[in-house]
Amino acid sequence: MQQPILKNIILLFSMVLVTTGAQNNKNPITFNDAARMAVESSNDLKNEFAMQAIREGTWQLGLRAYLPKLTLSAAEDDRLSQVGADSFQKTYTVSLEQFLWDGGRTSTNRAIEKTELAIMSAELKRQTVAVADSALSSYRSVLSARTMLEIRETVLESLVEQRRILAEEVNRGLALEIDLVEADISVSEANIEILSLRIELEEAEQQLAESLGLDVLPPLAEKVDIYRSLVLPPKGSVQSAAQARSPELITAQHSIAKRQVEARFAALSWIPTLSLTAGVRLSGSRYPITRANWSVGLVLDFSSPWFSGSMSGTAGWDPPHEQTAGIQGKLSPLSDPASGLSAKNTELALALERIKYDQAFERTGRNAEMALEACYLTERKRELAVESLILSANRLKLTELRLELGQITRIDLMTAQIECAQKEVETVAIAVSLLESERALETILDLPPGGLSDLAGQELRFWRQDYENM
């Protein structure tokens, strides 16, 4: 009795050690890791991927439409008569039906289903990108809040120190009491702003952890670097790259392909279908059954807006002495006149899809150019903000020097520290905005996080090769 309990205790202790080790060895996650984890933890995406797999499996099993249709049937007919003899009839039938020519209807339907699967797959990819981008947005929010909180806490420490020095100066009669009140107000405002930033940080961390499917947020590998310069591809290549890689255009292409197949199907709907039928029938009043007959036939079906019908011919043998044959025809005038407009409808739908594609093609190019221009402008804005921050830092040093010379009060120094911190916060906000602009362009170009720099490097290498070959 004690051995199973001991084994369970050892197993539980081992699981605790493994779990603790996994939590202690968490590696910092990058932008790519966050995007991947968000996609993997999304229940909606899991359900959509499972449904897509089922749809694709259903389409593959649709190959059954090309194979013969085999039908097995059995029946028993018992009749009891008060006047004549009783009748007991047992019948077993095997029938086979195979299309010899269906006018391409089966292959056309499968082609339509395949394009629909491609459209659903493209839409699923767009949903995946949206989930990843949402996680990346939360990631950037966490980085921004952490960096700004760090800046505010640093300036708060400096303000508290200046307030302490100012309090000593007031006690010695070297400063005014009103200056100490203003210092207390500055410290209180800094504390309030820090509390607000901590609330925002907790909300952002919780949102990021939930999007990643985690209870506790692991360390983040990325940082907000205000000095990071963004490498961008040439303007001439972005438009063509976006038009070649855009998920929206790929979906539009699949829609055009679907409309083309539908138009071809509507144009060929009048073509007759030819099928082969065969059957074997066993019957008898008792076992073993000794009576059998078989038949083989051809069936021709045709349909158009103005008339439809069918023609069939069969031949068979009823052993031991009888042979059978039959011909049957059917015609229905004006069967479905309204269907004559279906071909025109499909042509109009195809023309509309092509117009939509042309519009999306132009729109994608413009959006790519605008996104690239936004990156250039935000990059320039970051450069100016860094220059302004450097000037503000230099001004702060001069303010400290003027304070030592007695030209200004300590309140002026605290004001300069707050202004310099504000400049740093604004620069951080612009750097985060640059990350957002970069990701927006990567989404248009269907690139993973960080793929814009790789694309820019490839474009630069190609440009250099072309220049050297000139």
Foldseek 3Di string as FASTA:
>chain_A
DVVVVVVVVVVVVVVVVVVVVCVVPDDADELQRLLVLLLVQDPVLVVLVVVLVVLVVVLVVLVCLQPKDKDKDKDWDWADDPPDHTFIKIKIKIKIKHWPFDLCPSVLVSLLSVLVSVLSVLVSVVVSVVLSVVLSVLVLQLQLLVVLLVLLVVLLVVLVVLLVVVVVCVVVVNDDPVLNVLSVVLNVVSVVVSVVSVVSNVVSQVVNCVSSVHPHRDHHPDHQDLPDFDQFADLVVLLVLLLVQFSVLSSLVSQLSSLVSQLVCLVSQQPKIKMKMKMKMWMDRDPPTDWIKMKIKMKIWGDDQFKTKIKMKMWMDGPDDDIDIDIDIDMDGRPHNPSVCSSVVSVVSSVVSVVVSVVVSVVLSVVLSVLVVVLVVLSVVSVVLVVVLVVLVVVLVVVVVCVVVVNDDSSVSSVSSVVSSVSVSVSSVSSSVSLVSVVSSCNSSVHRRVVRRVVNVVSVVVVVVVVVVD
